[in-house]
Amino acid sequence: MPESPRKLLVTSALPYANGEIHLGHLVEYIQTDIWVRFQRLVGNHCVYVCASDAHGTPIMIKAEQEGVSPEALIDAVSERHQRDFAEFMIRFDNFHSTHSVENREIVSRIYEALKAGGHIERRTITQAYDEQRGMFLPDRFVRGTCPSCGAADQYGDSCEVCGATYAPTDLKDPVSILSGTRPAARDSEHLFFRLSDFAELLEEWLGGDRIHPSLAAKLREWFRSGLQDWDISRDAPYFGFPIPGETDKYFYVWLDAPVGYMASFRHLCEREPELDFDAWWRPGSDTELHHFIGKDIAYFHALFWPAVLAGSGYRTPTAVHVHGFLTINGQKMSKSRGTFITARRYLDHLHPEYLRYYYAAKLGPGVDDIDLSLDDFVARVNADLVGKVVNIASRCAGFIHRVADGRLSDELESPDLQAEFIAAADTIAAAYEAREFSRAMRTVMTLADRANQYIDTHKPWVMAKTPGNEAAVAAVCSQGLNLFRLIVLYLKPVLPRLAADAEHFLGVTPMHWETRHAPLLGHEIAKFKPLLQRVTAEQVAGLVEAESSAN
């Protein structure tokens, strides 16, 4: 690892404030949190911010349906989101909202800079208009027959049957989902961000190691057909920020949403004086900016967002880390099958660290989808966490209290084995850094196997039957617990609660990466208490049944 600490600002995509967090969302937040915890564990200065994505027509309509103000709706949803995140041990330094003073100021400044640079132009466009509701309709608020394949009841932007994309005005027999009436076609003047002005910059940006090569290749396809300029305005009524100098025009949610990263960080800077917003966001900054997102929003984060930042005088991202989608039992999440599982429903039935570990065991640096096989989930958690890791401590701790009054030996029984475990740290750290979490977990579990083999070979339960063997038994079990400590250290980014409980049991202060070099010798430990319980198929079945009944 580098001698001087790195300074990293890390973000996850902002959760939209009109629905609950579910297991698909958690892939990203758990992935990000593991990476952030690793960076802190090795001594880097890592700041992790997020916020509620709080604007847009869907928020406005849902608030109306529930008889509350949009502000009340987003506050209530944000509170539930933050509660779920906290219980999954996803630890933000700041969680803010795009509906904030900071966001309004920054997005307005960005817009004015883009406008002054000649990167904003006006165009008249034709949109679907609901005359009964008196408003222009977002694409997804219009449904009708696909103009390409004839499939009925399709969204106004794309067909879920044939995959065709189109404008709402192209639909056959279009209907507004708000009023059930046929929308009219009406012209309106909109503001566009000239993305095409930044083609050269974006070509260079994609040419580095800032995004996965397969995704960079996919994004380059947009250059061949010509980068499309981006409509950044919406007409009233709309829940969002008014555009300075315009009448009844609002910033499109996708302009102020990524600005929420900056706003959340600035909000944090206001209460953390050692953080300098301008120093972290200026071009050429020695800080790093890392975004974690899903592949469905890669276009916005890898093309629009760097261009908007560069065009308004800010630094561009160091990297955009993109993950795939989640399937459950090999299929899309389904409410009817009980596999559209919310974070809250999971927490009602199962330990959050089971899921953190399972995702880590599946996640790599690419954009492939990952599958949560519920049978494999049960088997892997029980075999790896309970059968391998926790088993080491449970096998050794009792003997330390029985033959050595709870005190570890003064010397290591197997220094070579200890050195082998310490040497594995570099491989594990490299895997964490590269977001190859599955490789890190495989390496750690190989160590757990080695530790259990060591105990099996020496058989302290047999040794203890011979009088006078107390010191030898204590030496073997002390070695076993030192190996256990290293394994827990390596798992700490994934299993922070287990690590904290193990630290309490071992009687040590919170471990960091360098503590691996100093073994516990002549050290008193607490009585062992079970650190994790086995998960049962019945528990998982109960979770699926409860989710299915709720839907």
Protein backbone atom coordinates (compact mmCIF):
# COMPACT_ATOMS: atom_id res chain seq x y z
CA MET A 1 0.00 0.00 0.00
CA PRO A 2 1.18 3.60 -0.55
CA GLU A 3 3.25 5.23 2.19
CA SER A 4 1.22 8.44 2.28
CA PRO A 5 -2.54 8.10 2.76
CA ARG A 6 -4.71 8.63 -0.30
CA LYS A 7 -7.64 11.02 -0.12
CA LEU A 8 -10.75 9.54 -1.69
CA LEU A 9 -14.31 10.81 -2.09
CA VAL A 10 -16.62 7.87 -2.76
CA THR A 11 -20.30 7.86 -3.73
CA SER A 12 -23.06 5.39 -4.45
CA ALA A 13 -25.94 6.23 -6.79
CA LEU A 14 -28.59 8.25 -5.01
CA PRO A 15 -31.68 6.18 -4.06
CA TYR A 16 -34.88 7.61 -5.50
CA ALA A 17 -37.15 8.91 -2.75
CA ASN A 18 -40.39 7.20 -3.76
CA GLY A 19 -39.84 3.54 -2.92
CA GLU A 20 -38.19 1.15 -0.50
CA ILE A 21 -34.64 -0.20 -0.59
CA HIS A 22 -34.58 -3.80 -1.84
CA LEU A 23 -31.95 -6.52 -2.23
CA GLY A 24 -31.11 -5.37 -5.77
CA HIS A 25 -30.23 -1.89 -4.49
CA LEU A 26 -28.11 -3.37 -1.72
CA VAL A 27 -25.65 -4.93 -4.18
CA GLU A 28 -24.30 -1.46 -4.85
CA TYR A 29 -24.36 -0.04 -1.34
CA ILE A 30 -22.76 -3.13 0.17
CA GLN A 31 -20.12 -3.19 -2.58
CA THR A 32 -19.30 0.46 -1.98
CA ASP A 33 -19.27 0.15 1.80
CA ILE A 34 -16.87 -2.82 1.67
CA TRP A 35 -14.49 -0.86 -0.54
CA VAL A 36 -14.69 2.22 1.69
CA ARG A 37 -14.12 0.17 4.86
CA PHE A 38 -11.09 -1.45 3.25
CA GLN A 39 -9.63 1.95 2.33
CA ARG A 40 -10.05 3.13 5.91
CA LEU A 41 -8.66 -0.12 7.30
CA VAL A 42 -5.39 0.37 5.41
CA GLY A 43 -5.13 3.99 6.57
CA ASN A 44 -6.44 6.01 3.64
CA HIS A 45 -8.60 9.10 4.18
CA CYS A 46 -11.85 7.99 2.60
CA VAL A 47 -15.08 10.03 2.64
CA TYR A 48 -18.34 8.31 1.68
CA VAL A 49 -21.37 10.46 0.85
CA CYS A 50 -24.82 9.86 -0.53
CA ALA A 51 -28.23 11.55 -0.66
CA SER A 52 -31.85 11.08 -1.55
CA ASP A 53 -32.66 11.65 -5.22
CA ALA A 54 -35.67 13.80 -4.45
CA HIS A 55 -36.94 15.54 -7.62
CA GLY A 56 -39.07 14.70 -10.62
CA THR A 57 -42.64 14.15 -11.75
CA PRO A 58 -43.01 10.69 -10.08
CA ILE A 59 -42.28 12.27 -6.67
CA MET A 60 -44.77 15.04 -7.33
CA ILE A 61 -47.50 12.60 -8.40
CA LYS A 62 -46.92 10.15 -5.54
CA ALA A 63 -47.05 12.94 -2.97
CA GLU A 64 -50.32 14.10 -4.49
CA GLN A 65 -51.73 10.57 -4.32
CA GLU A 66 -50.76 10.26 -0.66
CA GLY A 67 -52.12 13.68 0.21
CA VAL A 68 -48.80 15.07 1.46
CA SER A 69 -46.32 17.63 0.24
CA PRO A 70 -43.37 16.40 -1.85
CA GLU A 71 -41.08 17.59 0.95
CA ALA A 72 -42.94 15.47 3.52
CA LEU A 73 -42.81 12.45 1.22
CA ILE A 74 -39.08 12.63 0.55
CA ASP A 75 -38.28 13.21 4.22
CA ALA A 76 -40.27 10.14 5.29
CA VAL A 77 -38.75 7.93 2.59
CA SER A 78 -35.24 9.20 3.35
CA GLU A 79 -35.67 8.32 7.02
CA ARG A 80 -36.64 4.74 6.12
CA HIS A 81 -33.76 4.45 3.66
CA GLN A 82 -31.22 5.63 6.20
CA ARG A 83 -32.57 3.24 8.83
CA ASP A 84 -32.24 0.28 6.43
CA PHE A 85 -28.74 1.29 5.38
CA ALA A 86 -27.61 1.63 8.99
CA GLU A 87 -28.89 -1.83 9.90
CA PHE A 88 -26.95 -3.30 6.98
CA MET A 89 -23.90 -1.49 8.44
CA ILE A 90 -23.59 0.78 5.39
CA ARG A 91 -21.85 3.74 6.97
CA PHE A 92 -22.04 7.09 5.19
CA ASP A 93 -20.10 10.11 6.38
CA ASN A 94 -23.03 12.17 5.18
CA PHE A 95 -26.46 11.38 3.78
CA HIS A 96 -28.17 14.46 2.37
CA SER A 97 -30.87 15.31 -0.18
CA THR A 98 -30.88 16.75 -3.69
CA HIS A 99 -33.69 19.01 -2.45
CA SER A 100 -31.23 21.14 -0.49
CA VAL A 101 -29.82 24.64 -0.42
CA GLU A 102 -26.38 23.31 -1.33
CA ASN A 103 -27.67 21.45 -4.36
CA ARG A 104 -29.67 24.39 -5.65
CA GLU A 105 -26.65 26.69 -5.38
CA ILE A 106 -24.23 24.29 -7.07
CA VAL A 107 -26.52 23.22 -9.92
CA SER A 108 -27.34 26.87 -10.65
CA ARG A 109 -23.63 27.72 -10.70
CA ILE A 110 -22.93 24.79 -13.03
CA TYR A 111 -25.74 25.85 -15.36
CA GLU A 112 -24.53 29.45 -15.51
CA ALA A 113 -20.98 28.28 -16.27
CA LEU A 114 -22.18 25.97 -19.06
CA LYS A 115 -24.34 28.75 -20.46
CA ALA A 116 -21.46 31.23 -20.37
CA GLY A 117 -19.27 28.70 -22.15
CA GLY A 118 -21.75 28.41 -25.02
CA HIS A 119 -22.77 24.85 -24.11
CA ILE A 120 -26.51 25.53 -23.66
CA GLU A 121 -28.91 26.07 -26.55
CA ARG A 122 -32.67 26.43 -27.00
CA ARG A 123 -34.80 24.15 -29.12
CA THR A 124 -38.50 23.66 -29.66
CA ILE A 125 -39.63 20.08 -29.16
CA THR A 126 -42.96 18.28 -29.42
CA GLN A 127 -44.13 16.40 -26.32
CA ALA A 128 -47.11 14.45 -25.05
CA TYR A 129 -49.41 16.76 -23.09
CA ASP A 130 -52.23 15.71 -20.76
CA GLU A 131 -54.88 18.36 -21.31
CA GLN A 132 -57.01 17.13 -18.43
CA ARG A 133 -54.12 17.36 -15.94
CA GLY A 134 -52.58 20.42 -17.60
CA MET A 135 -49.05 19.08 -17.80
CA PHE A 136 -46.45 17.62 -20.11
CA LEU A 137 -45.93 13.92 -19.51
CA PRO A 138 -42.64 12.13 -18.88
CA ASP A 139 -42.10 9.29 -21.33
CA ARG A 140 -43.00 6.66 -18.75
CA PHE A 141 -46.31 8.35 -18.00
CA VAL A 142 -47.55 7.45 -21.48
CA ARG A 143 -48.48 3.90 -22.47
CA GLY A 144 -49.71 2.49 -25.73
CA THR A 145 -49.04 0.05 -28.56
CA CYS A 146 -45.44 -0.38 -29.69
CA PRO A 147 -44.97 1.16 -33.16
CA SER A 148 -42.41 -1.52 -33.99
CA CYS A 149 -43.88 -4.88 -32.97
CA GLY A 150 -47.45 -4.02 -32.05
CA ALA A 151 -47.19 -5.13 -28.42
CA ALA A 152 -49.90 -3.51 -26.30
CA ASP A 153 -49.50 -1.52 -23.06
CA GLN A 154 -45.88 -0.43 -23.54
CA TYR A 155 -44.07 2.55 -22.03
CA GLY A 156 -43.63 5.74 -24.01
CA ASP A 157 -39.86 5.38 -24.40
CA SER A 158 -39.21 1.69 -25.08
CA CYS A 159 -40.90 -1.64 -25.68
CA GLU A 160 -40.33 -4.40 -23.12
CA VAL A 161 -41.26 -7.02 -25.75
CA CYS A 162 -39.04 -6.19 -28.73
CA GLY A 163 -36.64 -3.68 -27.16
CA ALA A 164 -37.39 -0.87 -29.62
CA THR A 165 -36.88 2.73 -28.46
CA TYR A 166 -39.01 5.64 -29.63
CA ALA A 167 -40.72 8.87 -28.58
CA PRO A 168 -44.11 8.85 -26.80
CA THR A 169 -45.59 10.58 -29.83
CA ASP A 170 -44.70 7.47 -31.90
CA LEU A 171 -46.93 5.16 -29.82
CA LYS A 172 -50.15 3.86 -31.33
CA ASP A 173 -53.25 4.54 -29.22
CA PRO A 174 -51.29 6.41 -26.52
CA VAL A 175 -52.90 6.97 -23.11
CA SER A 176 -51.84 9.13 -20.16
CA ILE A 177 -51.45 6.97 -17.05
CA LEU A 178 -52.57 9.96 -14.99
CA SER A 179 -55.96 10.66 -16.55
CA GLY A 180 -56.58 7.78 -18.94
CA THR A 181 -57.07 10.27 -21.77
CA ARG A 182 -55.24 10.44 -25.08
CA PRO A 183 -52.41 12.96 -24.80
CA ALA A 184 -52.13 15.80 -27.25
CA ALA A 185 -48.92 16.74 -29.08
CA ARG A 186 -47.78 20.16 -27.95
CA ASP A 187 -44.66 22.21 -28.67
CA SER A 188 -42.45 23.64 -25.94
CA GLU A 189 -39.10 25.40 -25.88
CA HIS A 190 -36.44 23.43 -23.99
CA LEU A 191 -32.82 23.94 -22.97
CA PHE A 192 -30.20 21.49 -24.19
CA PHE A 193 -26.68 20.76 -22.98
CA ARG A 194 -24.38 20.44 -25.98
CA LEU A 195 -22.77 17.11 -25.15
CA SER A 196 -21.28 17.06 -28.63
CA ASP A 197 -18.96 19.91 -27.60
CA PHE A 198 -17.11 17.45 -25.35
CA ALA A 199 -16.60 14.53 -27.73
CA GLU A 200 -12.79 14.84 -27.73
CA LEU A 201 -12.59 15.18 -23.95
CA LEU A 202 -14.85 12.16 -23.44
CA GLU A 203 -12.90 10.04 -25.91
CA GLU A 204 -9.78 10.73 -23.86
CA TRP A 205 -11.62 10.17 -20.56
CA LEU A 206 -12.84 6.75 -21.71
CA GLY A 207 -9.35 5.86 -22.91
CA GLY A 208 -7.93 5.58 -19.40
CA ASP A 209 -8.70 3.03 -16.70
CA ARG A 210 -11.60 5.02 -15.34
CA ILE A 211 -14.28 2.53 -16.34
CA HIS A 212 -14.37 -1.19 -17.10
CA PRO A 213 -12.99 -1.84 -20.63
CA SER A 214 -16.09 -3.71 -21.81
CA LEU A 215 -18.29 -0.80 -20.80
CA ALA A 216 -15.95 1.77 -22.32
CA ALA A 217 -16.18 -0.11 -25.63
CA LYS A 218 -19.96 -0.06 -25.40
CA LEU A 219 -20.05 3.65 -24.65
CA ARG A 220 -17.80 4.40 -27.63
CA GLU A 221 -20.59 3.16 -29.89
CA TRP A 222 -22.39 6.44 -29.13
CA PHE A 223 -19.56 8.39 -30.71
CA ARG A 224 -19.94 6.61 -34.06
CA SER A 225 -23.56 7.75 -34.39
CA GLY A 226 -22.77 11.19 -32.93
CA LEU A 227 -23.25 12.22 -29.32
CA GLN A 228 -26.79 13.41 -28.72
CA ASP A 229 -27.27 16.71 -26.92
CA TRP A 230 -29.17 16.45 -23.67
CA ASP A 231 -32.50 18.02 -22.73
CA ILE A 232 -31.89 19.46 -19.24
CA SER A 233 -35.18 21.33 -18.73
CA ARG A 234 -38.73 20.39 -17.80
CA ASP A 235 -41.94 22.41 -17.92
CA ALA A 236 -44.12 23.35 -14.95
CA PRO A 237 -45.71 21.77 -13.00
CA TYR A 238 -42.59 19.96 -11.83
CA PHE A 239 -41.00 19.22 -8.45
CA GLY A 240 -37.46 20.50 -8.76
CA PHE A 241 -35.35 23.65 -8.91
CA PRO A 242 -36.40 26.56 -11.16
CA ILE A 243 -33.85 27.39 -13.85
CA PRO A 244 -32.39 30.86 -13.21
CA GLY A 245 -33.62 33.46 -15.69
CA GLU A 246 -36.42 31.23 -17.05
CA THR A 247 -40.17 31.20 -16.53
CA ASP A 248 -41.89 27.93 -15.55
CA LYS A 249 -38.77 25.93 -16.46
CA TYR A 250 -37.11 23.50 -14.07
CA PHE A 251 -33.87 21.55 -14.07
CA TYR A 252 -34.43 17.97 -15.20
CA VAL A 253 -33.84 15.60 -12.30
CA TRP A 254 -30.91 13.96 -14.10
CA LEU A 255 -28.99 17.24 -14.05
CA ASP A 256 -29.32 17.97 -10.34
CA ALA A 257 -29.17 14.32 -9.18
CA PRO A 258 -25.41 13.74 -9.72
CA VAL A 259 -24.80 17.26 -8.44
CA GLY A 260 -26.17 15.77 -5.21
CA TYR A 261 -22.78 14.09 -4.73
CA MET A 262 -21.16 17.51 -4.60
CA ALA A 263 -23.92 19.00 -2.44
CA SER A 264 -23.70 16.20 0.12
CA PHE A 265 -19.94 16.62 0.32
CA ARG A 266 -20.26 20.40 0.71
CA HIS A 267 -22.85 19.88 3.45
CA LEU A 268 -20.29 17.66 5.20
CA CYS A 269 -17.56 20.27 4.71
CA GLU A 270 -19.69 22.81 6.57
CA ARG A 271 -19.42 20.75 9.77
CA GLU A 272 -15.95 19.26 9.13
CA PRO A 273 -13.59 22.26 8.85
CA GLU A 274 -10.62 20.11 7.80
CA LEU A 275 -12.45 19.28 4.55
CA ASP A 276 -12.06 21.89 1.80
CA PHE A 277 -14.75 21.58 -0.89
CA ASP A 278 -12.87 23.55 -3.51
CA ALA A 279 -9.63 21.61 -2.95
CA TRP A 280 -11.39 18.28 -3.49
CA TRP A 281 -13.33 19.38 -6.58
CA ARG A 282 -10.88 21.57 -8.49
CA PRO A 283 -9.25 20.25 -11.69
CA GLY A 284 -5.88 18.68 -10.97
CA SER A 285 -6.78 17.93 -7.35
CA ASP A 286 -4.63 15.32 -5.61
CA THR A 287 -7.83 13.75 -4.26
CA GLU A 288 -9.66 10.88 -5.94
CA LEU A 289 -13.34 10.76 -6.92
CA HIS A 290 -14.93 7.30 -7.21
CA HIS A 291 -18.57 6.66 -8.23
CA PHE A 292 -20.21 3.26 -7.72
CA ILE A 293 -23.26 2.74 -9.95
CA GLY A 294 -25.36 0.15 -11.74
CA LYS A 295 -24.91 -0.49 -15.45
CA ASP A 296 -28.33 1.00 -16.25
CA ILE A 297 -27.07 4.52 -15.48
CA ALA A 298 -23.56 4.21 -16.92
CA TYR A 299 -24.42 6.51 -19.86
CA PHE A 300 -25.23 9.40 -17.52
CA HIS A 301 -22.19 8.91 -15.29
CA ALA A 302 -19.59 8.17 -17.95
CA LEU A 303 -20.63 10.68 -20.64
CA PHE A 304 -22.96 13.43 -19.40
CA TRP A 305 -21.48 13.80 -15.93
CA PRO A 306 -17.78 14.17 -16.87
CA ALA A 307 -18.76 16.62 -19.61
CA VAL A 308 -20.93 18.69 -17.24
CA LEU A 309 -18.12 18.80 -14.67
CA ALA A 310 -15.43 19.71 -17.18
CA GLY A 311 -17.63 22.32 -18.85
CA SER A 312 -18.33 24.06 -15.54
CA GLY A 313 -14.77 24.11 -14.21
CA TYR A 314 -14.74 21.08 -11.90
CA ARG A 315 -12.61 17.95 -11.83
CA THR A 316 -13.81 14.78 -13.55
CA PRO A 317 -14.18 11.40 -11.80
CA THR A 318 -11.10 9.28 -11.14
CA ALA A 319 -13.19 6.18 -11.84
CA VAL A 320 -16.76 5.03 -12.33
CA HIS A 321 -17.18 1.51 -10.94
CA VAL A 322 -20.12 -0.26 -12.56
CA HIS A 323 -21.84 -3.42 -11.34
CA GLY A 324 -24.48 -5.68 -12.87
CA PHE A 325 -28.00 -6.48 -11.74
CA LEU A 326 -29.19 -8.97 -9.14
CA THR A 327 -31.19 -12.06 -9.98
CA ILE A 328 -32.67 -14.38 -7.37
CA ASN A 329 -32.65 -18.10 -8.08
CA GLY A 330 -31.59 -17.28 -11.63
CA GLN A 331 -34.54 -14.99 -12.41
CA LYS A 332 -35.53 -11.35 -12.09
CA MET A 333 -36.92 -10.44 -8.70
CA SER A 334 -40.62 -11.26 -8.61
CA LYS A 335 -43.35 -10.13 -6.25
CA SER A 336 -45.52 -13.13 -7.08
CA ARG A 337 -42.68 -15.54 -6.24
CA GLY A 338 -41.80 -13.65 -3.07
CA THR A 339 -38.33 -12.81 -4.35
CA PHE A 340 -38.82 -9.05 -4.71
CA ILE A 341 -37.38 -8.75 -1.21
CA THR A 342 -37.10 -5.40 0.54
CA ALA A 343 -34.23 -4.62 2.88
CA ARG A 344 -36.67 -4.31 5.77
CA ARG A 345 -38.25 -7.70 5.12
CA TYR A 346 -34.83 -9.33 4.99
CA LEU A 347 -33.82 -7.69 8.27
CA ASP A 348 -36.98 -9.03 9.91
CA HIS A 349 -35.78 -12.59 9.22
CA LEU A 350 -32.01 -12.80 8.72
CA HIS A 351 -28.68 -11.41 9.93
CA PRO A 352 -27.47 -8.58 7.65
CA GLU A 353 -23.90 -9.88 7.55
CA TYR A 354 -25.03 -13.08 5.87
CA LEU A 355 -26.00 -10.99 2.82
CA ARG A 356 -22.90 -8.81 3.01
CA TYR A 357 -20.72 -11.91 2.87
CA TYR A 358 -22.72 -13.61 0.14
CA TYR A 359 -22.56 -10.54 -2.11
CA ALA A 360 -18.82 -10.19 -1.43
CA ALA A 361 -18.32 -13.85 -2.38
CA LYS A 362 -20.04 -13.15 -5.72
CA LEU A 363 -18.80 -9.66 -6.65
CA GLY A 364 -16.03 -8.91 -9.12
CA PRO A 365 -14.94 -5.72 -10.88
CA GLY A 366 -17.04 -6.30 -14.01
CA VAL A 367 -20.62 -5.62 -15.03
CA ASP A 368 -21.90 -9.21 -15.01
CA ASP A 369 -25.13 -9.81 -13.15
CA ILE A 370 -24.89 -11.73 -9.89
CA ASP A 371 -27.33 -14.38 -8.71
CA LEU A 372 -28.59 -14.86 -5.19
CA SER A 373 -29.35 -18.58 -5.11
CA LEU A 374 -31.21 -19.06 -1.85
CA ASP A 375 -30.06 -22.67 -1.42
CA ASP A 376 -26.45 -21.67 -2.10
CA PHE A 377 -26.87 -18.73 0.27
CA VAL A 378 -27.74 -21.08 3.15
CA ALA A 379 -24.96 -23.54 2.29
CA ARG A 380 -22.23 -20.92 1.81
CA VAL A 381 -23.00 -18.92 4.95
CA ASN A 382 -23.05 -22.06 7.09
CA ALA A 383 -19.98 -23.64 5.52
CA ASP A 384 -17.77 -20.54 5.35
CA LEU A 385 -18.75 -18.23 8.19
CA VAL A 386 -19.95 -20.72 10.80
CA GLY A 387 -18.21 -23.94 9.77
CA LYS A 388 -14.83 -22.42 8.95
CA VAL A 389 -14.27 -18.98 10.49
CA VAL A 390 -16.22 -18.95 13.76
CA ASN A 391 -15.41 -22.62 14.25
CA ILE A 392 -11.72 -21.78 14.77
CA ALA A 393 -12.49 -19.61 17.79
CA SER A 394 -15.07 -21.95 19.25
CA ARG A 395 -12.63 -24.89 19.04
CA CYS A 396 -9.79 -23.05 20.75
CA ALA A 397 -11.23 -20.59 23.30
CA GLY A 398 -12.53 -23.13 25.79
CA PHE A 399 -9.14 -24.83 26.14
CA ILE A 400 -7.43 -21.48 26.83
CA HIS A 401 -9.74 -20.96 29.79
CA ARG A 402 -9.55 -24.58 30.90
CA VAL A 403 -5.77 -25.03 30.88
CA ALA A 404 -4.34 -21.47 30.93
CA ASP A 405 -6.81 -19.36 32.94
CA GLY A 406 -7.86 -17.49 29.79
CA ARG A 407 -4.34 -16.34 28.94
CA LEU A 408 -2.66 -16.92 25.58
CA SER A 409 0.82 -18.41 25.39
CA ASP A 410 3.90 -16.20 25.41
CA GLU A 411 5.21 -17.61 22.10
CA LEU A 412 3.74 -18.76 18.79
CA GLU A 413 3.63 -22.51 18.33
CA SER A 414 4.00 -22.20 14.54
CA PRO A 415 5.74 -18.94 13.49
CA ASP A 416 5.98 -20.16 9.89
CA LEU A 417 2.21 -20.64 9.65
CA GLN A 418 1.68 -17.22 11.21
CA ALA A 419 4.04 -15.71 8.64
CA GLU A 420 2.15 -17.45 5.83
CA PHE A 421 -1.10 -15.85 7.01
CA ILE A 422 0.53 -12.42 7.30
CA ALA A 423 2.04 -12.72 3.82
CA ALA A 424 -1.44 -13.34 2.36
CA ALA A 425 -2.40 -9.76 3.28
CA ASP A 426 -0.88 -8.31 0.12
CA THR A 427 -2.93 -10.61 -2.13
CA ILE A 428 -6.11 -9.89 -0.19
CA ALA A 429 -5.48 -6.13 -0.20
CA ALA A 430 -4.88 -6.12 -3.95
CA ALA A 431 -8.15 -7.99 -4.47
CA TYR A 432 -10.11 -5.54 -2.30
CA GLU A 433 -8.55 -2.56 -4.06
CA ALA A 434 -9.48 -3.97 -7.48
CA ARG A 435 -13.02 -4.73 -6.22
CA GLU A 436 -12.34 -8.43 -6.81
CA PHE A 437 -14.15 -9.25 -3.60
CA SER A 438 -14.89 -12.83 -4.63
CA ARG A 439 -11.15 -13.45 -5.01
CA ALA A 440 -10.49 -11.90 -1.61
CA MET A 441 -13.12 -14.15 -0.01
CA ARG A 442 -11.68 -17.26 -1.66
CA THR A 443 -8.23 -16.40 -0.36
CA VAL A 444 -9.51 -15.80 3.16
CA MET A 445 -11.48 -19.05 3.19
CA THR A 446 -8.37 -20.91 2.05
CA LEU A 447 -6.65 -19.49 5.13
CA ALA A 448 -9.58 -20.60 7.28
CA ASP A 449 -9.19 -24.11 5.88
CA ARG A 450 -5.48 -24.01 6.75
CA ALA A 451 -6.23 -22.91 10.31
CA ASN A 452 -8.76 -25.69 10.81
CA GLN A 453 -6.32 -28.23 9.34
CA TYR A 454 -3.71 -27.04 11.82
CA ILE A 455 -6.10 -27.63 14.71
CA ASP A 456 -7.20 -31.00 13.29
CA THR A 457 -3.58 -32.09 12.96
CA HIS A 458 -2.69 -31.25 16.59
CA LYS A 459 -6.03 -32.35 18.08
CA PRO A 460 -5.93 -30.31 21.32
CA TRP A 461 -8.99 -32.23 22.57
CA VAL A 462 -6.86 -35.39 22.50
CA MET A 463 -3.74 -33.68 23.88
CA ALA A 464 -5.75 -32.36 26.82
CA LYS A 465 -6.49 -35.89 28.01
CA THR A 466 -2.82 -36.42 28.93
CA PRO A 467 -1.77 -34.82 32.24
CA GLY A 468 1.09 -32.37 31.88
CA ASN A 469 0.15 -31.31 28.36
CA GLU A 470 -1.46 -28.05 29.47
CA ALA A 471 1.26 -25.81 28.04
CA ALA A 472 1.22 -27.65 24.70
CA VAL A 473 -2.57 -27.45 24.48
CA ALA A 474 -2.47 -23.74 25.28
CA ALA A 475 0.23 -23.20 22.66
CA VAL A 476 -1.80 -24.87 19.88
CA CYS A 477 -5.00 -23.07 20.79
CA SER A 478 -3.18 -19.75 21.18
CA GLN A 479 -1.81 -20.22 17.68
CA GLY A 480 -5.29 -21.06 16.44
CA LEU A 481 -6.72 -17.87 17.92
CA ASN A 482 -3.93 -15.78 16.40
CA LEU A 483 -4.83 -17.23 13.01
CA PHE A 484 -8.50 -16.53 13.72
CA ARG A 485 -7.62 -12.90 14.52
CA LEU A 486 -5.89 -12.47 11.16
CA ILE A 487 -8.82 -14.02 9.29
CA VAL A 488 -11.25 -11.67 11.05
CA LEU A 489 -9.02 -8.71 10.23
CA TYR A 490 -9.10 -9.67 6.55
CA LEU A 491 -12.88 -10.02 6.69
CA LYS A 492 -13.45 -6.79 8.62
CA PRO A 493 -14.52 -4.70 5.58
CA VAL A 494 -17.22 -7.28 4.84
CA LEU A 495 -18.23 -8.29 8.38
CA PRO A 496 -17.79 -5.24 10.62
CA ARG A 497 -20.12 -6.49 13.36
CA LEU A 498 -18.47 -9.90 13.53
CA ALA A 499 -15.11 -8.13 13.67
CA ALA A 500 -16.25 -5.90 16.54
CA ASP A 501 -17.58 -8.91 18.48
CA ALA A 502 -14.34 -10.81 17.84
CA GLU A 503 -12.29 -7.81 18.99
CA HIS A 504 -14.29 -7.77 22.22
CA PHE A 505 -13.78 -11.52 22.71
CA LEU A 506 -10.03 -11.22 22.04
CA GLY A 507 -9.73 -8.15 24.26
CA VAL A 508 -8.15 -5.94 21.59
CA THR A 509 -8.74 -2.41 20.35
CA PRO A 510 -10.25 -2.04 16.86
CA MET A 511 -7.89 -3.70 14.40
CA HIS A 512 -6.30 -1.97 11.43
CA TRP A 513 -4.24 -3.46 8.60
CA GLU A 514 -0.87 -3.04 10.33
CA THR A 515 -1.96 -4.90 13.48
CA ARG A 516 -1.45 -8.14 11.55
CA HIS A 517 2.28 -7.93 12.29
CA ALA A 518 1.91 -8.05 16.09
CA PRO A 519 0.60 -11.41 17.41
CA LEU A 520 -1.33 -11.70 20.67
CA LEU A 521 1.11 -13.18 23.19
CA GLY A 522 0.64 -13.49 26.95
CA HIS A 523 -2.73 -11.85 26.39
CA GLU A 524 -5.97 -12.42 28.28
CA ILE A 525 -9.13 -13.22 26.34
CA ALA A 526 -12.80 -13.19 27.35
CA LYS A 527 -15.06 -16.20 27.58
CA PHE A 528 -16.22 -17.25 24.12
CA LYS A 529 -19.80 -16.56 23.09
CA PRO A 530 -21.22 -17.72 19.72
CA LEU A 531 -20.38 -15.06 17.13
CA LEU A 532 -22.80 -16.22 14.40
CA GLN A 533 -25.63 -18.72 14.26
CA ARG A 534 -26.28 -21.12 11.42
CA VAL A 535 -28.94 -19.97 8.96
CA THR A 536 -31.67 -22.49 8.21
CA ALA A 537 -33.62 -23.23 5.06
CA GLU A 538 -36.76 -22.64 7.13
CA GLN A 539 -35.68 -19.06 7.88
CA VAL A 540 -35.16 -18.34 4.18
CA ALA A 541 -38.45 -20.00 3.28
CA GLY A 542 -40.16 -17.84 5.92
CA LEU A 543 -38.63 -14.72 4.37
CA VAL A 544 -39.88 -15.62 0.88
CA GLU A 545 -43.32 -16.54 2.22
CA ALA A 546 -43.60 -13.30 4.19
CA GLU A 547 -42.61 -11.22 1.16
CA SER A 548 -45.03 -13.11 -1.07
CA SER A 549 -47.89 -12.64 1.41
CA ALA A 550 -47.12 -8.90 1.65
CA ASN A 551 -47.53 -8.55 -2.11
